[in-house]
Amino acid sequence: MREHTELTVYGTHWCPDVRRARRFLDQHGISYVYVDIEQDADACAYCDEVHDGCWIVPTIAFPDGTLLFNPSASELAARLGLEA
């Protein structure tokens, strides 16, 4: 498993759920690194590994190793200690 020093969002450019999660993070001023798994072979392999061979995007990795898979705004807010 990769080590994360900051929030990382793994996704694809075409996924509306990825756009929704990124918009939420942007609106709340949360810093993150975005990685397009269709453009990054290592990221694609990582997502394949954590999802047993399928993609669930967005996959959001936190510095403590916690992963959220396609979280709702309320799930993401709760994890970040924010209001949805």
Protein backbone atom coordinates (compact mmCIF):
# COMPACT_ATOMS: atom_id res chain seq x y z
CA MET A 1 0.00 0.00 0.00
CA ARG A 2 1.22 3.50 -0.81
CA GLU A 3 2.09 5.91 1.96
CA HIS A 4 0.13 9.15 1.87
CA THR A 5 1.46 12.41 3.29
CA GLU A 6 -1.67 14.31 2.25
CA LEU A 7 -5.17 13.67 1.00
CA THR A 8 -5.14 11.91 -2.38
CA VAL A 9 -8.13 11.59 -4.68
CA TYR A 10 -7.91 8.78 -7.22
CA GLY A 11 -10.36 9.10 -10.06
CA THR A 12 -11.13 9.49 -13.74
CA HIS A 13 -11.92 12.63 -15.69
CA TRP A 14 -15.28 11.32 -16.91
CA CYS A 15 -16.79 10.30 -13.56
CA PRO A 16 -19.43 12.66 -12.11
CA ASP A 17 -18.83 11.25 -8.61
CA VAL A 18 -15.16 12.25 -8.84
CA ARG A 19 -16.15 15.77 -9.94
CA ARG A 20 -18.63 15.96 -7.04
CA ALA A 21 -16.02 14.92 -4.46
CA ARG A 22 -13.40 17.31 -5.85
CA ARG A 23 -15.93 20.17 -5.89
CA PHE A 24 -16.76 19.46 -2.23
CA LEU A 25 -13.08 19.49 -1.25
CA ASP A 26 -12.45 22.66 -3.26
CA GLN A 27 -15.46 24.44 -1.73
CA HIS A 28 -14.17 23.63 1.75
CA GLY A 29 -10.58 24.61 1.00
CA ILE A 30 -9.26 21.09 1.55
CA SER A 31 -5.89 20.54 -0.06
CA TYR A 32 -5.49 17.31 -2.00
CA VAL A 33 -3.59 15.67 -4.82
CA TYR A 34 -5.69 14.44 -7.72
CA VAL A 35 -4.48 11.36 -9.60
CA ASP A 36 -6.19 10.22 -12.80
CA ILE A 37 -5.96 6.43 -12.70
CA GLU A 38 -6.34 6.24 -16.47
CA GLN A 39 -3.17 8.31 -16.90
CA ASP A 40 -1.05 6.86 -14.09
CA ALA A 41 -0.22 3.15 -14.29
CA ASP A 42 0.96 2.97 -10.65
CA ALA A 43 -2.26 4.60 -9.43
CA CYS A 44 -4.32 2.24 -11.58
CA ALA A 45 -2.49 -0.74 -10.09
CA TYR A 46 -3.01 0.66 -6.58
CA CYS A 47 -6.77 1.04 -7.15
CA ASP A 48 -6.93 -2.45 -8.66
CA GLU A 49 -5.22 -3.75 -5.52
CA VAL A 50 -7.45 -2.01 -2.96
CA HIS A 51 -10.62 -2.87 -4.91
CA ASP A 52 -9.79 -6.47 -5.81
CA GLY A 53 -9.44 -5.78 -9.52
CA CYS A 54 -12.19 -3.24 -10.13
CA TRP A 55 -12.31 0.52 -9.97
CA ILE A 56 -14.41 2.40 -7.45
CA VAL A 57 -13.92 6.12 -7.92
CA PRO A 58 -13.36 8.35 -6.31
CA THR A 59 -11.08 6.53 -3.95
CA ILE A 60 -9.92 9.01 -1.35
CA ALA A 61 -6.82 8.19 0.68
CA PHE A 62 -6.11 9.99 3.94
CA PRO A 63 -2.68 10.46 5.52
CA ASP A 64 -3.49 7.91 8.24
CA GLY A 65 -4.17 5.21 5.62
CA THR A 66 -7.96 5.44 5.81
CA LEU A 67 -9.69 4.99 2.47
CA LEU A 68 -13.13 6.17 1.44
CA PHE A 69 -14.72 4.74 -1.69
CA ASN A 70 -17.15 7.00 -3.56
CA PRO A 71 -18.21 8.77 -0.36
CA SER A 72 -21.29 10.96 -0.17
CA ALA A 73 -20.83 14.60 0.79
CA SER A 74 -22.01 13.80 4.32
CA GLU A 75 -19.57 10.88 4.67
CA LEU A 76 -16.70 13.03 3.43
CA ALA A 77 -17.71 15.91 5.72
CA ALA A 78 -17.91 13.59 8.72
CA ARG A 79 -14.44 12.18 8.01
CA LEU A 80 -13.02 15.70 7.64
CA GLY A 81 -14.89 17.13 10.65
CA LEU A 82 -16.91 19.52 8.47
CA GLU A 83 -20.54 20.41 7.97
CA ALA A 84 -21.98 18.84 4.79
